[in-house]
C-alpha atoms as a PDB file:
ATOM      1  CA  MET A   1       0.000   0.000   0.000  1.00  0.00           C
ATOM      2  CA  THR A   2       1.353   3.385  -1.003  1.00  0.00           C
ATOM      3  CA  THR A   3       1.492   6.152   1.576  1.00  0.00           C
ATOM      4  CA  PRO A   4       0.209   9.733   0.919  1.00  0.00           C
ATOM      5  CA  ALA A   5       3.807  10.963   0.865  1.00  0.00           C
ATOM      6  CA  LEU A   6       4.717   8.428  -1.844  1.00  0.00           C
ATOM      7  CA  ARG A   7       1.746   9.539  -3.936  1.00  0.00           C
ATOM      8  CA  GLU A   8       3.028  13.089  -3.845  1.00  0.00           C
ATOM      9  CA  LEU A   9       6.455  11.924  -5.026  1.00  0.00           C
ATOM     10  CA  LEU A  10       4.941   9.915  -7.921  1.00  0.00           C
ATOM     11  CA  PRO A  11       2.364  12.173  -9.612  1.00  0.00           C
ATOM     12  CA  GLN A  12       0.261  10.795 -12.476  1.00  0.00           C
ATOM     13  CA  VAL A  13       1.480  11.973 -15.861  1.00  0.00           C
ATOM     14  CA  ARG A  14      -0.837  11.685 -18.839  1.00  0.00           C
ATOM     15  CA  LEU A  15       0.810  10.194 -21.914  1.00  0.00           C
ATOM     16  CA  ARG A  16       0.984  12.507 -24.891  1.00  0.00           C
ATOM     17  CA  HIS A  17       0.335  10.769 -28.177  1.00  0.00           C
ATOM     18  CA  TRP A  18       2.175  13.104 -30.495  1.00  0.00           C
ATOM     19  CA  GLY A  19       1.958  10.650 -33.380  1.00  0.00           C
ATOM     20  CA  ARG A  20      -1.843  10.775 -33.386  1.00  0.00           C
ATOM     21  CA  TRP A  21      -1.858  14.557 -33.577  1.00  0.00           C
ATOM     22  CA  VAL A  22       0.682  14.562 -36.402  1.00  0.00           C
ATOM     23  CA  VAL A  23      -1.266  11.980 -38.443  1.00  0.00           C
ATOM     24  CA  ALA A  24      -4.555  13.828 -37.845  1.00  0.00           C
ATOM     25  CA  ALA A  25      -2.974  17.131 -38.896  1.00  0.00           C
ATOM     26  CA  VAL A  26      -1.545  15.604 -42.075  1.00  0.00           C
ATOM     27  CA  ILE A  27      -4.936  14.094 -43.005  1.00  0.00           C
ATOM     28  CA  LEU A  28      -6.758  17.400 -42.411  1.00  0.00           C
ATOM     29  CA  VAL A  29      -4.200  19.323 -44.462  1.00  0.00           C
ATOM     30  CA  LEU A  30      -4.513  16.864 -47.350  1.00  0.00           C
ATOM     31  CA  LEU A  31      -8.315  17.028 -47.246  1.00  0.00           C
ATOM     32  CA  ALA A  32      -8.224  20.829 -47.183  1.00  0.00           C
ATOM     33  CA  ALA A  33      -5.804  20.881 -50.119  1.00  0.00           C
ATOM     34  CA  LEU A  34      -8.048  18.470 -52.065  1.00  0.00           C
ATOM     35  CA  ALA A  35     -11.139  20.573 -51.369  1.00  0.00           C
ATOM     36  CA  TYR A  36      -9.331  23.764 -52.380  1.00  0.00           C
ATOM     37  CA  GLY A  37      -8.034  22.202 -55.577  1.00  0.00           C
ATOM     38  CA  ALA A  38     -11.514  20.943 -56.484  1.00  0.00           C
ATOM     39  CA  SER A  39     -13.019  24.384 -55.842  1.00  0.00           C
ATOM     40  CA  GLN A  40     -10.469  25.960 -58.183  1.00  0.00           C
ATOM     41  CA  GLY A  41     -11.089  23.472 -60.981  1.00  0.00           C
ATOM     42  CA  ASP A  42     -13.130  24.158 -64.069  1.00  0.00           C
ATOM     43  CA  ILE A  43     -16.272  22.530 -62.673  1.00  0.00           C
ATOM     44  CA  SER A  44     -19.696  24.116 -62.518  1.00  0.00           C
ATOM     45  CA  TRP A  45     -20.738  22.920 -59.063  1.00  0.00           C
ATOM     46  CA  ARG A  46     -24.083  24.690 -59.239  1.00  0.00           C
ATOM     47  CA  ASP A  47     -25.140  22.496 -62.198  1.00  0.00           C
ATOM     48  CA  ILE A  48     -24.455  19.183 -60.443  1.00  0.00           C
ATOM     49  CA  PRO A  49     -27.726  19.141 -58.390  1.00  0.00           C
ATOM     50  CA  TYR A  50     -29.645  19.639 -61.648  1.00  0.00           C
ATOM     51  CA  TYR A  51     -27.943  16.597 -63.205  1.00  0.00           C
ATOM     52  CA  VAL A  52     -28.560  14.524 -60.079  1.00  0.00           C
ATOM     53  CA  ILE A  53     -32.317  14.816 -60.632  1.00  0.00           C
ATOM     54  CA  SER A  54     -32.132  14.887 -64.421  1.00  0.00           C
ATOM     55  CA  PRO A  55     -34.661  12.485 -66.041  1.00  0.00           C
ATOM     56  CA  ILE A  56     -31.885  10.879 -68.103  1.00  0.00           C
ATOM     57  CA  ILE A  57     -29.745  10.211 -65.007  1.00  0.00           C
ATOM     58  CA  LEU A  58     -32.765   8.936 -63.060  1.00  0.00           C
ATOM     59  CA  GLN A  59     -33.656   6.559 -65.894  1.00  0.00           C
ATOM     60  CA  GLY A  60     -30.075   5.323 -65.890  1.00  0.00           C
ATOM     61  CA  LEU A  61     -30.346   4.804 -62.132  1.00  0.00           C
ATOM     62  CA  VAL A  62     -33.506   2.719 -62.536  1.00  0.00           C
ATOM     63  CA  ASN A  63     -31.921   0.655 -65.317  1.00  0.00           C
ATOM     64  CA  THR A  64     -28.840   0.068 -63.162  1.00  0.00           C
ATOM     65  CA  ILE A  65     -30.895  -1.187 -60.224  1.00  0.00           C
ATOM     66  CA  ILE A  66     -33.112  -3.397 -62.407  1.00  0.00           C
ATOM     67  CA  LEU A  67     -30.147  -4.992 -64.150  1.00  0.00           C
ATOM     68  CA  ALA A  68     -28.217  -5.534 -60.917  1.00  0.00           C
ATOM     69  CA  VAL A  69     -31.144  -7.007 -58.975  1.00  0.00           C
ATOM     70  CA  ALA A  70     -32.265  -9.262 -61.836  1.00  0.00           C
ATOM     71  CA  ALA A  71     -28.747 -10.560 -62.446  1.00  0.00           C
ATOM     72  CA  GLN A  72     -28.001 -11.079 -58.740  1.00  0.00           C
ATOM     73  CA  VAL A  73     -31.260 -12.878 -57.897  1.00  0.00           C
ATOM     74  CA  THR A  74     -30.941 -15.213 -60.878  1.00  0.00           C
ATOM     75  CA  ALA A  75     -27.261 -15.793 -60.092  1.00  0.00           C
ATOM     76  CA  VAL A  76     -28.133 -16.800 -56.518  1.00  0.00           C
ATOM     77  CA  ILE A  77     -30.709 -19.331 -57.737  1.00  0.00           C
ATOM     78  CA  ILE A  78     -28.368 -20.854 -60.310  1.00  0.00           C
ATOM     79  CA  GLY A  79     -25.450 -20.707 -57.863  1.00  0.00           C
ATOM     80  CA  VAL A  80     -27.396 -22.742 -55.300  1.00  0.00           C
ATOM     81  CA  ILE A  81     -28.197 -25.373 -57.933  1.00  0.00           C
ATOM     82  CA  ILE A  82     -24.574 -25.558 -59.097  1.00  0.00           C
ATOM     83  CA  ALA A  83     -23.351 -25.768 -55.486  1.00  0.00           C
ATOM     84  CA  LEU A  84     -25.708 -28.683 -54.744  1.00  0.00           C
ATOM     85  CA  MET A  85     -24.501 -30.413 -57.902  1.00  0.00           C
ATOM     86  CA  ARG A  86     -20.897 -29.785 -56.833  1.00  0.00           C
ATOM     87  CA  ILE A  87     -21.374 -31.616 -53.529  1.00  0.00           C
ATOM     88  CA  SER A  88     -23.683 -34.347 -54.858  1.00  0.00           C
ATOM     89  CA  ALA A  89     -22.738 -37.996 -55.128  1.00  0.00           C
ATOM     90  CA  ASN A  90     -23.373 -37.980 -58.891  1.00  0.00           C
ATOM     91  CA  PRO A  91     -19.971 -37.787 -60.658  1.00  0.00           C
ATOM     92  CA  VAL A  92     -21.499 -36.361 -63.857  1.00  0.00           C
ATOM     93  CA  ALA A  93     -23.201 -33.583 -61.883  1.00  0.00           C
ATOM     94  CA  ARG A  94     -19.956 -32.814 -60.037  1.00  0.00           C
ATOM     95  CA  TRP A  95     -18.033 -32.669 -63.300  1.00  0.00           C
ATOM     96  CA  PHE A  96     -20.596 -30.376 -64.925  1.00  0.00           C
ATOM     97  CA  ALA A  97     -20.673 -28.055 -61.893  1.00  0.00           C
ATOM     98  CA  GLY A  98     -16.872 -27.891 -61.806  1.00  0.00           C
ATOM     99  CA  ALA A  99     -16.672 -27.132 -65.541  1.00  0.00           C
ATOM    100  CA  TYR A 100     -19.402 -24.482 -65.221  1.00  0.00           C
ATOM    101  CA  THR A 101     -17.567 -22.721 -62.407  1.00  0.00           C
ATOM    102  CA  TRP A 102     -14.221 -22.972 -64.206  1.00  0.00           C
ATOM    103  CA  LEU A 103     -15.603 -21.507 -67.451  1.00  0.00           C
ATOM    104  CA  PHE A 104     -17.685 -18.567 -66.266  1.00  0.00           C
ATOM    105  CA  ARG A 105     -15.366 -17.621 -63.433  1.00  0.00           C
ATOM    106  CA  GLY A 106     -12.372 -17.655 -65.773  1.00  0.00           C
ATOM    107  CA  LEU A 107     -13.710 -15.366 -68.505  1.00  0.00           C
ATOM    108  CA  PRO A 108     -13.755 -11.597 -67.881  1.00  0.00           C
ATOM    109  CA  VAL A 109     -17.222 -10.144 -67.426  1.00  0.00           C
ATOM    110  CA  LEU A 110     -16.775  -7.603 -70.216  1.00  0.00           C
ATOM    111  CA  LEU A 111     -15.756 -10.382 -72.611  1.00  0.00           C
ATOM    112  CA  GLN A 112     -18.840 -12.401 -71.697  1.00  0.00           C
ATOM    113  CA  ILE A 113     -21.098  -9.395 -72.317  1.00  0.00           C
ATOM    114  CA  LEU A 114     -19.514  -8.809 -75.736  1.00  0.00           C
ATOM    115  CA  LEU A 115     -19.799 -12.488 -76.659  1.00  0.00           C
ATOM    116  CA  TRP A 116     -23.499 -12.575 -75.876  1.00  0.00           C
ATOM    117  CA  TYR A 117     -24.133  -9.267 -77.642  1.00  0.00           C
ATOM    118  CA  ASN A 118     -22.466 -10.557 -80.819  1.00  0.00           C
ATOM    119  CA  LEU A 119     -24.041 -14.018 -80.664  1.00  0.00           C
ATOM    120  CA  ALA A 120     -25.778 -13.386 -84.003  1.00  0.00           C
ATOM    121  CA  LEU A 121     -22.411 -13.694 -85.736  1.00  0.00           C
ATOM    122  CA  ILE A 122     -22.433 -17.401 -84.806  1.00  0.00           C
ATOM    123  CA  PHE A 123     -26.150 -18.150 -84.622  1.00  0.00           C
ATOM    124  CA  PRO A 124     -28.114 -15.770 -86.886  1.00  0.00           C
ATOM    125  CA  ARG A 125     -31.382 -17.331 -85.753  1.00  0.00           C
ATOM    126  CA  LEU A 126     -32.484 -19.029 -82.545  1.00  0.00           C
ATOM    127  CA  GLN A 127     -34.623 -22.081 -83.210  1.00  0.00           C
ATOM    128  CA  LEU A 128     -36.369 -24.479 -80.863  1.00  0.00           C
ATOM    129  CA  GLY A 129     -37.683 -27.751 -82.201  1.00  0.00           C
ATOM    130  CA  ILE A 130     -37.045 -31.469 -82.491  1.00  0.00           C
ATOM    131  CA  PRO A 131     -33.355 -32.187 -83.197  1.00  0.00           C
ATOM    132  CA  PHE A 132     -32.428 -33.777 -86.542  1.00  0.00           C
ATOM    133  CA  THR A 133     -35.875 -33.043 -87.982  1.00  0.00           C
ATOM    134  CA  ASP A 134     -37.556 -30.168 -89.785  1.00  0.00           C
ATOM    135  CA  VAL A 135     -40.005 -29.604 -86.924  1.00  0.00           C
ATOM    136  CA  VAL A 136     -39.447 -26.103 -85.505  1.00  0.00           C
ATOM    137  CA  PHE A 137     -41.614 -24.598 -82.770  1.00  0.00           C
ATOM    138  CA  VAL A 138     -39.806 -21.278 -82.308  1.00  0.00           C
ATOM    139  CA  ASP A 139     -37.756 -19.401 -84.893  1.00  0.00           C
ATOM    140  CA  LEU A 140     -36.504 -15.955 -83.883  1.00  0.00           C
ATOM    141  CA  SER A 141     -33.826 -13.585 -85.087  1.00  0.00           C
ATOM    142  CA  THR A 142     -30.905 -13.526 -82.661  1.00  0.00           C
ATOM    143  CA  ASN A 143     -30.529  -9.767 -83.007  1.00  0.00           C
ATOM    144  CA  ALA A 144     -34.162  -9.325 -81.971  1.00  0.00           C
ATOM    145  CA  VAL A 145     -33.713 -11.486 -78.881  1.00  0.00           C
ATOM    146  CA  MET A 146     -30.227 -10.448 -77.806  1.00  0.00           C
ATOM    147  CA  THR A 147     -30.943  -6.868 -76.793  1.00  0.00           C
ATOM    148  CA  THR A 148     -28.508  -4.794 -74.785  1.00  0.00           C
ATOM    149  CA  PHE A 149     -30.331  -5.683 -71.554  1.00  0.00           C
ATOM    150  CA  VAL A 150     -30.376  -9.411 -72.306  1.00  0.00           C
ATOM    151  CA  ALA A 151     -26.679  -9.477 -73.256  1.00  0.00           C
ATOM    152  CA  ALA A 152     -25.672  -7.528 -70.143  1.00  0.00           C
ATOM    153  CA  PHE A 153     -27.953  -9.669 -67.976  1.00  0.00           C
ATOM    154  CA  LEU A 154     -26.500 -12.938 -69.254  1.00  0.00           C
ATOM    155  CA  GLY A 155     -22.902 -11.770 -68.963  1.00  0.00           C
ATOM    156  CA  LEU A 156     -23.258 -10.455 -65.416  1.00  0.00           C
ATOM    157  CA  MET A 157     -25.537 -13.252 -64.216  1.00  0.00           C
ATOM    158  CA  LEU A 158     -23.488 -16.188 -65.487  1.00  0.00           C
ATOM    159  CA  ASN A 159     -20.258 -14.754 -64.125  1.00  0.00           C
ATOM    160  CA  GLU A 160     -21.842 -14.066 -60.728  1.00  0.00           C
ATOM    161  CA  SER A 161     -23.524 -17.487 -60.573  1.00  0.00           C
ATOM    162  CA  ALA A 162     -20.118 -19.165 -60.760  1.00  0.00           C
ATOM    163  CA  TYR A 163     -18.920 -17.168 -57.754  1.00  0.00           C
ATOM    164  CA  MET A 164     -22.195 -17.760 -55.910  1.00  0.00           C
ATOM    165  CA  ALA A 165     -21.797 -21.499 -56.408  1.00  0.00           C
ATOM    166  CA  GLU A 166     -18.493 -21.423 -54.542  1.00  0.00           C
ATOM    167  CA  ILE A 167     -19.904 -19.151 -51.826  1.00  0.00           C
ATOM    168  CA  VAL A 168     -22.890 -21.426 -51.233  1.00  0.00           C
ATOM    169  CA  ARG A 169     -20.704 -24.533 -51.311  1.00  0.00           C
ATOM    170  CA  ALA A 170     -18.415 -23.026 -48.669  1.00  0.00           C
ATOM    171  CA  GLY A 171     -21.424 -22.141 -46.511  1.00  0.00           C
ATOM    172  CA  LEU A 172     -22.895 -25.637 -46.750  1.00  0.00           C
ATOM    173  CA  ASN A 173     -19.562 -27.250 -45.964  1.00  0.00           C
ATOM    174  CA  SER A 174     -19.173 -25.046 -42.882  1.00  0.00           C
ATOM    175  CA  VAL A 175     -22.016 -26.862 -41.102  1.00  0.00           C
ATOM    176  CA  ASP A 176     -20.855 -29.619 -38.777  1.00  0.00           C
ATOM    177  CA  ARG A 177     -21.326 -33.006 -40.404  1.00  0.00           C
ATOM    178  CA  GLY A 178     -22.457 -34.514 -37.098  1.00  0.00           C
ATOM    179  CA  GLN A 179     -25.613 -32.404 -37.072  1.00  0.00           C
ATOM    180  CA  ILE A 180     -26.559 -33.607 -40.529  1.00  0.00           C
ATOM    181  CA  GLU A 181     -25.952 -37.228 -39.554  1.00  0.00           C
ATOM    182  CA  ALA A 182     -28.032 -36.763 -36.397  1.00  0.00           C
ATOM    183  CA  ALA A 183     -30.947 -35.407 -38.427  1.00  0.00           C
ATOM    184  CA  GLN A 184     -30.531 -38.241 -40.902  1.00  0.00           C
ATOM    185  CA  SER A 185     -30.610 -40.819 -38.115  1.00  0.00           C
ATOM    186  CA  ILE A 186     -34.097 -39.714 -37.016  1.00  0.00           C
ATOM    187  CA  GLY A 187     -35.486 -40.045 -40.516  1.00  0.00           C
ATOM    188  CA  GLU A 188     -35.539 -36.445 -41.757  1.00  0.00           C
ATOM    189  CA  THR A 189     -35.593 -36.083 -45.510  1.00  0.00           C
ATOM    190  CA  PRO A 190     -32.772 -34.279 -47.346  1.00  0.00           C
ATOM    191  CA  LEU A 191     -35.060 -31.270 -47.866  1.00  0.00           C
ATOM    192  CA  GLN A 192     -35.920 -31.131 -44.161  1.00  0.00           C
ATOM    193  CA  ARG A 193     -32.255 -31.414 -43.203  1.00  0.00           C
ATOM    194  CA  MET A 194     -31.355 -28.632 -45.601  1.00  0.00           C
ATOM    195  CA  TRP A 195     -34.177 -26.309 -44.465  1.00  0.00           C
ATOM    196  CA  ARG A 196     -34.056 -26.950 -40.707  1.00  0.00           C
ATOM    197  CA  ILE A 197     -30.412 -27.689 -39.963  1.00  0.00           C
ATOM    198  CA  VAL A 198     -28.042 -26.628 -42.733  1.00  0.00           C
ATOM    199  CA  LEU A 199     -29.404 -23.368 -44.153  1.00  0.00           C
ATOM    200  CA  PRO A 200     -29.964 -21.455 -40.872  1.00  0.00           C
ATOM    201  CA  GLN A 201     -26.306 -21.995 -39.977  1.00  0.00           C
ATOM    202  CA  ALA A 202     -24.865 -21.697 -43.478  1.00  0.00           C
ATOM    203  CA  MET A 203     -26.531 -18.324 -44.078  1.00  0.00           C
ATOM    204  CA  ARG A 204     -24.171 -16.661 -41.604  1.00  0.00           C
ATOM    205  CA  VAL A 205     -21.304 -17.695 -43.884  1.00  0.00           C
ATOM    206  CA  ILE A 206     -23.125 -17.028 -47.158  1.00  0.00           C
ATOM    207  CA  ILE A 207     -24.564 -13.548 -46.512  1.00  0.00           C
ATOM    208  CA  PRO A 208     -21.348 -11.445 -46.089  1.00  0.00           C
ATOM    209  CA  PRO A 209     -19.695 -12.438 -49.405  1.00  0.00           C
ATOM    210  CA  THR A 210     -23.067 -12.362 -51.177  1.00  0.00           C
ATOM    211  CA  GLY A 211     -23.611  -8.792 -49.995  1.00  0.00           C
ATOM    212  CA  ASN A 212     -20.160  -7.829 -51.229  1.00  0.00           C
ATOM    213  CA  ASP A 213     -20.872  -9.457 -54.587  1.00  0.00           C
ATOM    214  CA  PHE A 214     -24.151  -7.551 -54.920  1.00  0.00           C
ATOM    215  CA  ILE A 215     -22.327  -4.283 -54.297  1.00  0.00           C
ATOM    216  CA  ASN A 216     -19.836  -5.269 -56.991  1.00  0.00           C
ATOM    217  CA  MET A 217     -22.784  -6.130 -59.230  1.00  0.00           C
ATOM    218  CA  LEU A 218     -24.227  -2.627 -58.798  1.00  0.00           C
ATOM    219  CA  LYS A 219     -20.934  -1.145 -59.924  1.00  0.00           C
ATOM    220  CA  GLY A 220     -20.284  -3.843 -62.522  1.00  0.00           C
ATOM    221  CA  THR A 221     -23.372  -2.822 -64.469  1.00  0.00           C
ATOM    222  CA  ALA A 222     -21.242   0.068 -65.760  1.00  0.00           C
ATOM    223  CA  MET A 223     -19.619  -2.423 -68.143  1.00  0.00           C
ATOM    224  CA  ALA A 224     -22.939  -2.696 -69.970  1.00  0.00           C
ATOM    225  CA  SER A 225     -22.376   0.829 -71.265  1.00  0.00           C
ATOM    226  CA  VAL A 226     -19.969  -0.509 -73.902  1.00  0.00           C
ATOM    227  CA  ILE A 227     -22.858  -2.193 -75.751  1.00  0.00           C
ATOM    228  CA  GLY A 228     -25.193   0.791 -75.447  1.00  0.00           C
ATOM    229  CA  TYR A 229     -27.251  -0.157 -72.385  1.00  0.00           C
ATOM    230  CA  VAL A 230     -28.325   3.101 -70.733  1.00  0.00           C
ATOM    231  CA  GLU A 231     -27.206   2.734 -67.110  1.00  0.00           C
ATOM    232  CA  LEU A 232     -25.702   5.516 -65.002  1.00  0.00           C
ATOM    233  CA  ILE A 233     -22.403   5.844 -66.870  1.00  0.00           C
ATOM    234  CA  ARG A 234     -24.059   5.733 -70.274  1.00  0.00           C
ATOM    235  CA  ALA A 235     -26.678   8.269 -69.162  1.00  0.00           C
ATOM    236  CA  ALA A 236     -23.964  10.632 -67.936  1.00  0.00           C
ATOM    237  CA  ASN A 237     -22.053  10.276 -71.196  1.00  0.00           C
ATOM    238  CA  ASN A 238     -25.207  10.907 -73.229  1.00  0.00           C
ATOM    239  CA  ILE A 239     -25.741  14.228 -71.443  1.00  0.00           C
ATOM    240  CA  ALA A 240     -22.062  15.199 -71.672  1.00  0.00           C
ATOM    241  CA  SER A 241     -22.015  14.519 -75.406  1.00  0.00           C
ATOM    242  CA  PHE A 242     -24.405  17.468 -75.870  1.00  0.00           C
ATOM    243  CA  ASN A 243     -23.194  20.060 -73.355  1.00  0.00           C
ATOM    244  CA  LEU A 244     -19.587  18.853 -72.795  1.00  0.00           C
ATOM    245  CA  GLN A 245     -19.987  19.002 -68.991  1.00  0.00           C
ATOM    246  CA  VAL A 246     -18.220  15.699 -68.474  1.00  0.00           C
ATOM    247  CA  MET A 247     -17.126  16.065 -64.860  1.00  0.00           C
ATOM    248  CA  GLU A 248     -20.464  17.461 -63.726  1.00  0.00           C
ATOM    249  CA  THR A 249     -22.451  14.540 -65.126  1.00  0.00           C
ATOM    250  CA  LEU A 250     -19.923  11.976 -63.875  1.00  0.00           C
ATOM    251  CA  ILE A 251     -20.080  13.461 -60.365  1.00  0.00           C
ATOM    252  CA  ALA A 252     -23.880  13.179 -60.507  1.00  0.00           C
ATOM    253  CA  ALA A 253     -23.552   9.507 -61.496  1.00  0.00           C
ATOM    254  CA  ALA A 254     -20.996   8.986 -58.714  1.00  0.00           C
ATOM    255  CA  PHE A 255     -23.460  10.456 -56.222  1.00  0.00           C
ATOM    256  CA  TRP A 256     -26.121   7.911 -57.126  1.00  0.00           C
ATOM    257  CA  TYR A 257     -23.611   5.053 -57.051  1.00  0.00           C
ATOM    258  CA  MET A 258     -22.694   6.017 -53.494  1.00  0.00           C
ATOM    259  CA  VAL A 259     -26.373   6.198 -52.533  1.00  0.00           C
ATOM    260  CA  ILE A 260     -27.339   2.740 -53.821  1.00  0.00           C
ATOM    261  CA  VAL A 261     -24.127   1.168 -52.514  1.00  0.00           C
ATOM    262  CA  SER A 262     -24.760   2.688 -49.077  1.00  0.00           C
ATOM    263  CA  VAL A 263     -28.323   1.344 -49.049  1.00  0.00           C
ATOM    264  CA  ALA A 264     -27.060  -2.106 -50.063  1.00  0.00           C
ATOM    265  CA  SER A 265     -24.409  -1.988 -47.339  1.00  0.00           C
ATOM    266  CA  ILE A 266     -27.032  -1.119 -44.717  1.00  0.00           C
ATOM    267  CA  GLY A 267     -29.200  -3.998 -45.906  1.00  0.00           C
ATOM    268  CA  GLN A 268     -26.252  -6.391 -45.772  1.00  0.00           C
ATOM    269  CA  SER A 269     -25.406  -5.284 -42.231  1.00  0.00           C
ATOM    270  CA  TYR A 270     -29.020  -5.748 -41.142  1.00  0.00           C
ATOM    271  CA  LEU A 271     -29.175  -9.269 -42.585  1.00  0.00           C
ATOM    272  CA  GLU A 272     -25.900 -10.262 -40.951  1.00  0.00           C
ATOM    273  CA  LYS A 273     -27.064  -9.024 -37.550  1.00  0.00           C
ATOM    274  CA  SER A 274     -30.462 -10.635 -38.019  1.00  0.00           C
ATOM    275  CA  PHE A 275     -29.079 -14.104 -38.714  1.00  0.00           C
ATOM    276  CA  ASP A 276     -26.420 -13.791 -36.044  1.00  0.00           C
ATOM    277  CA  ARG A 277     -29.001 -12.662 -33.503  1.00  0.00           C
ATOM    278  CA  SER A 278     -31.489 -15.369 -34.474  1.00  0.00           C
ATOM    279  CA  ASP A 279     -28.864 -18.022 -33.755  1.00  0.00           C
ATOM    280  CA  ARG A 280     -28.299 -16.706 -30.228  1.00  0.00           C
ATOM    281  CA  ALA A 281     -31.706 -15.325 -29.340  1.00  0.00           C
ATOM    282  CA  ARG A 282     -34.445 -17.321 -27.820  1.00  0.00           C
ATOM    283  CA  GLY A 283     -36.702 -18.846 -30.432  1.00  0.00           C
ATOM    284  CA  GLY A 284     -34.286 -18.310 -33.333  1.00  0.00           C
ATOM    285  CA  PRO A 285     -34.376 -20.714 -36.269  1.00  0.00           C
ATOM    286  CA  THR A 286     -31.281 -22.652 -35.243  1.00  0.00           C
ATOM    287  CA  ARG A 287     -32.391 -22.969 -31.632  1.00  0.00           C
ATOM    288  CA  ARG A 288     -35.842 -24.025 -32.826  1.00  0.00           C
ATOM    289  CA  ALA A 289     -34.281 -26.667 -35.018  1.00  0.00           C
ATOM    290  CA  ARG A 290     -32.221 -27.929 -32.094  1.00  0.00           C
ATOM    291  CA  ARG A 291     -35.322 -28.262 -29.909  1.00  0.00           C
ATOM    292  CA  ARG A 292     -37.110 -30.153 -32.664  1.00  0.00           C
ATOM    293  CA  LEU A 293     -34.118 -32.418 -33.101  1.00  0.00           C
ATOM    294  CA  ALA A 294     -33.960 -33.094 -29.351  1.00  0.00           C
ATOM    295  CA  ARG A 295     -37.674 -33.949 -29.292  1.00  0.00           C
ATOM    296  CA  ASP A 296     -37.333 -36.293 -32.232  1.00  0.00           C
ATOM    297  CA  LEU A 297     -34.371 -38.068 -30.661  1.00  0.00           C
ATOM    298  CA  VAL A 298     -36.554 -39.358 -27.828  1.00  0.00           C
ATOM    299  CA  THR A 299     -39.224 -40.533 -30.287  1.00  0.00           C
ATOM    300  CA  PRO A 300     -38.681 -44.032 -31.676  1.00  0.00           C
ATOM    301  CA  PRO A 301     -38.204 -43.899 -35.441  1.00  0.00           C
ATOM    302  CA  LEU A 302     -40.730 -45.489 -37.740  1.00  0.00           C
ATOM    303  CA  MET A 303     -39.686 -48.986 -38.652  1.00  0.00           C
ATOM    304  CA  ARG A 304     -40.885 -50.794 -41.748  1.00  0.00           C
ATOM    305  CA  SER A 305     -42.460 -54.072 -40.818  1.00  0.00           C
ATOM    306  CA  GLU A 306     -41.215 -57.075 -42.700  1.00  0.00           C
ATOM    307  CA  VAL A 307     -43.573 -59.911 -43.365  1.00  0.00           C
END
């Protein structure tokens, strides 16, 4: 125990973090210099709010969201199917799923979009009928079917589905095998095991990378501008081609990109917290599944009588 006299001899000295102050000062100086340089540039800042609410920019915003959501939702569905094929016992299904992932994950997205957009150079017409006969049910021009939206959708969706297949496969493999075997031992069907045991736990692994991929999808729609699809970048360029205010229109497009990405990030954070909380909270899906499993373990399984 220290005496009052010893406390007077050893006063408390607050540590001074000079490094923090220096780093903070450097950051503030750089930000001030950036703001000053931007204010001195040849940019009409007063016109930017007009472009933010311009009908052309707003239409590009709607097209961007529609393309991103449609491609992401379809990619998730196909990715789940490919992931289930990848972990199935069927060797042909595993081979096909592996080849699918290898192909569409290996090709650049922009190249896939261009290939689909120029599909008419290989197949001038798209026909559906009975093979090796003259019976044709559908006969359409490829150029009429392969619009800019369809080409961009296929390129973005197929590339994303290959990544989603690996994300879903990693999430399914993260679930303890013993829980699946326990559910199997009490006679639950594969669909019941997947819905009650595997998915509630795998979603905590699947959601974070899926949210990141959706944010990349929102920004990746800009590649569709090369084939004429009017998304945010194309809309900004269309306006700038008339009035030559390139930076103003691009800043307006950047504003909307930040808005939709921020909304997607908030949604991702909410989903992550929701699934994490449901696993710990009372009555969550995983806890509910555990109670059901415990109840079924004390119930004798149905046995098939043999005559």
